[in-house]
Amino acid sequence: MNKRLGLIAITWLVIGWTHNAVAQEDEVVNISATVTGNQEQPKVLYIVPWKQAEDKTILYQQLNTRLEAVFGHVERREHIRQLELLNDLAVAEAPATEK
């Protein structure tokens, strides 16, 4: 009797495992990709000079001189004075452009 119950239990386990395997095979996964035109290619910009530079010293400035111009120390009063000047120039030009 115990052998028969053991065989029945093993049979049900095998049937259960095969059912799970068949159920997993039925699942279909679709993977697709669509490429339109040349959108996948990188955008590249080539800048080619069309004439020689007149002053070649401009081309070979040291990096320190450029950094100082951009990141150099600026006094607060000088900066405020420059902003006020630019604001006054913008106000002076505004009526001339509206006409």
C-alpha atoms as a PDB file:
ATOM      1  CA  MET A   1       0.000   0.000   0.000  1.00  0.00           C
ATOM      2  CA  ASN A   2       2.795   2.443   0.883  1.00  0.00           C
ATOM      3  CA  LYS A   3       4.532   1.710  -2.421  1.00  0.00           C
ATOM      4  CA  ARG A   4       1.353   2.471  -4.316  1.00  0.00           C
ATOM      5  CA  LEU A   5       0.859   5.805  -2.467  1.00  0.00           C
ATOM      6  CA  GLY A   6       4.501   6.679  -3.145  1.00  0.00           C
ATOM      7  CA  LEU A   7       4.112   5.965  -6.863  1.00  0.00           C
ATOM      8  CA  ILE A   8       0.911   8.021  -7.026  1.00  0.00           C
ATOM      9  CA  ALA A   9       2.611  10.938  -5.233  1.00  0.00           C
ATOM     10  CA  ILE A  10       5.614  10.797  -7.567  1.00  0.00           C
ATOM     11  CA  THR A  11       3.302  10.636 -10.597  1.00  0.00           C
ATOM     12  CA  TRP A  12       1.395  13.729  -9.466  1.00  0.00           C
ATOM     13  CA  LEU A  13       4.671  15.588  -8.839  1.00  0.00           C
ATOM     14  CA  VAL A  14       5.966  14.740 -12.320  1.00  0.00           C
ATOM     15  CA  ILE A  15       2.653  15.806 -13.882  1.00  0.00           C
ATOM     16  CA  GLY A  16       2.790  19.083 -11.933  1.00  0.00           C
ATOM     17  CA  TRP A  17       6.344  19.828 -13.036  1.00  0.00           C
ATOM     18  CA  THR A  18       5.647  19.069 -16.683  1.00  0.00           C
ATOM     19  CA  HIS A  19       2.525  21.234 -16.564  1.00  0.00           C
ATOM     20  CA  ASN A  20       4.602  24.164 -15.260  1.00  0.00           C
ATOM     21  CA  ALA A  21       7.212  23.602 -17.978  1.00  0.00           C
ATOM     22  CA  VAL A  22       4.552  23.535 -20.714  1.00  0.00           C
ATOM     23  CA  ALA A  23       2.866  26.647 -19.276  1.00  0.00           C
ATOM     24  CA  GLN A  24       6.173  28.514 -19.305  1.00  0.00           C
ATOM     25  CA  GLU A  25       6.822  27.606 -22.936  1.00  0.00           C
ATOM     26  CA  ASP A  26       3.489  29.123 -23.983  1.00  0.00           C
ATOM     27  CA  GLU A  27       4.551  32.636 -22.923  1.00  0.00           C
ATOM     28  CA  VAL A  28       5.753  34.581 -25.954  1.00  0.00           C
ATOM     29  CA  VAL A  29       7.998  37.614 -25.566  1.00  0.00           C
ATOM     30  CA  ASN A  30       8.206  40.002 -28.516  1.00  0.00           C
ATOM     31  CA  ILE A  31      11.184  42.344 -28.659  1.00  0.00           C
ATOM     32  CA  SER A  32      11.363  44.879 -31.446  1.00  0.00           C
ATOM     33  CA  ALA A  33      13.137  48.078 -32.408  1.00  0.00           C
ATOM     34  CA  THR A  34      12.319  50.687 -35.009  1.00  0.00           C
ATOM     35  CA  VAL A  35      14.947  52.902 -36.627  1.00  0.00           C
ATOM     36  CA  THR A  36      13.778  55.772 -38.795  1.00  0.00           C
ATOM     37  CA  GLY A  37      16.187  57.657 -41.037  1.00  0.00           C
ATOM     38  CA  ASN A  38      19.588  58.671 -39.687  1.00  0.00           C
ATOM     39  CA  GLN A  39      18.471  59.448 -36.147  1.00  0.00           C
ATOM     40  CA  GLU A  40      20.798  56.804 -34.752  1.00  0.00           C
ATOM     41  CA  GLN A  41      23.898  58.518 -36.111  1.00  0.00           C
ATOM     42  CA  PRO A  42      25.687  61.104 -33.963  1.00  0.00           C
ATOM     43  CA  LYS A  43      25.397  64.780 -34.808  1.00  0.00           C
ATOM     44  CA  VAL A  44      28.838  66.126 -35.691  1.00  0.00           C
ATOM     45  CA  LEU A  45      29.818  69.697 -36.500  1.00  0.00           C
ATOM     46  CA  TYR A  46      33.086  70.385 -38.282  1.00  0.00           C
ATOM     47  CA  ILE A  47      34.342  73.976 -38.151  1.00  0.00           C
ATOM     48  CA  VAL A  48      36.926  74.649 -40.837  1.00  0.00           C
ATOM     49  CA  PRO A  49      38.623  78.041 -41.083  1.00  0.00           C
ATOM     50  CA  TRP A  50      38.263  79.540 -44.536  1.00  0.00           C
ATOM     51  CA  LYS A  51      41.092  82.024 -44.285  1.00  0.00           C
ATOM     52  CA  GLN A  52      44.360  82.390 -42.400  1.00  0.00           C
ATOM     53  CA  ALA A  53      44.457  84.383 -39.172  1.00  0.00           C
ATOM     54  CA  GLU A  54      46.145  87.764 -39.528  1.00  0.00           C
ATOM     55  CA  ASP A  55      47.632  87.774 -36.030  1.00  0.00           C
ATOM     56  CA  LYS A  56      48.959  84.324 -35.126  1.00  0.00           C
ATOM     57  CA  THR A  57      49.780  85.325 -31.537  1.00  0.00           C
ATOM     58  CA  ILE A  58      46.051  85.161 -30.757  1.00  0.00           C
ATOM     59  CA  LEU A  59      46.042  81.482 -31.688  1.00  0.00           C
ATOM     60  CA  TYR A  60      48.840  80.589 -29.299  1.00  0.00           C
ATOM     61  CA  GLN A  61      47.860  82.320 -26.061  1.00  0.00           C
ATOM     62  CA  GLN A  62      48.679  80.532 -22.876  1.00  0.00           C
ATOM     63  CA  LEU A  63      45.832  78.921 -20.997  1.00  0.00           C
ATOM     64  CA  ASN A  64      46.500  81.043 -17.900  1.00  0.00           C
ATOM     65  CA  THR A  65      45.688  84.292 -19.697  1.00  0.00           C
ATOM     66  CA  ARG A  66      42.322  82.978 -20.847  1.00  0.00           C
ATOM     67  CA  LEU A  67      41.466  81.626 -17.419  1.00  0.00           C
ATOM     68  CA  GLU A  68      42.288  84.941 -15.766  1.00  0.00           C
ATOM     69  CA  ALA A  69      39.944  86.799 -18.112  1.00  0.00           C
ATOM     70  CA  VAL A  70      37.048  84.481 -17.299  1.00  0.00           C
ATOM     71  CA  PHE A  71      37.651  83.496 -13.683  1.00  0.00           C
ATOM     72  CA  GLY A  72      39.680  86.458 -12.459  1.00  0.00           C
ATOM     73  CA  HIS A  73      38.851  88.533  -9.395  1.00  0.00           C
ATOM     74  CA  VAL A  74      36.273  91.296  -9.889  1.00  0.00           C
ATOM     75  CA  GLU A  75      35.667  94.052  -7.366  1.00  0.00           C
ATOM     76  CA  ARG A  76      32.037  94.404  -6.311  1.00  0.00           C
ATOM     77  CA  ARG A  77      31.912  98.177  -6.875  1.00  0.00           C
ATOM     78  CA  GLU A  78      33.406  97.847 -10.359  1.00  0.00           C
ATOM     79  CA  HIS A  79      30.920  95.122 -11.237  1.00  0.00           C
ATOM     80  CA  ILE A  80      27.941  97.200 -10.037  1.00  0.00           C
ATOM     81  CA  ARG A  81      29.221 100.231 -11.955  1.00  0.00           C
ATOM     82  CA  GLN A  82      29.557  98.157 -15.132  1.00  0.00           C
ATOM     83  CA  LEU A  83      26.033  96.747 -14.725  1.00  0.00           C
ATOM     84  CA  GLU A  84      24.626 100.250 -14.260  1.00  0.00           C
ATOM     85  CA  LEU A  85      26.442 101.431 -17.390  1.00  0.00           C
ATOM     86  CA  LEU A  86      25.063  98.534 -19.430  1.00  0.00           C
ATOM     87  CA  ASN A  87      21.572  99.227 -18.080  1.00  0.00           C
ATOM     88  CA  ASP A  88      21.848 102.929 -18.992  1.00  0.00           C
ATOM     89  CA  LEU A  89      23.015 102.023 -22.507  1.00  0.00           C
ATOM     90  CA  ALA A  90      20.095  99.625 -22.926  1.00  0.00           C
ATOM     91  CA  VAL A  91      17.612 102.290 -21.794  1.00  0.00           C
ATOM     92  CA  ALA A  92      19.173 104.872 -24.114  1.00  0.00           C
ATOM     93  CA  GLU A  93      18.934 102.517 -27.112  1.00  0.00           C
ATOM     94  CA  ALA A  94      15.371 101.345 -26.366  1.00  0.00           C
ATOM     95  CA  PRO A  95      13.512 104.473 -27.621  1.00  0.00           C
ATOM     96  CA  ALA A  96      15.661 104.563 -30.756  1.00  0.00           C
ATOM     97  CA  THR A  97      14.719 101.005 -31.685  1.00  0.00           C
ATOM     98  CA  GLU A  98      10.977 101.457 -30.976  1.00  0.00           C
ATOM     99  CA  LYS A  99      10.553 104.175 -33.618  1.00  0.00           C
END
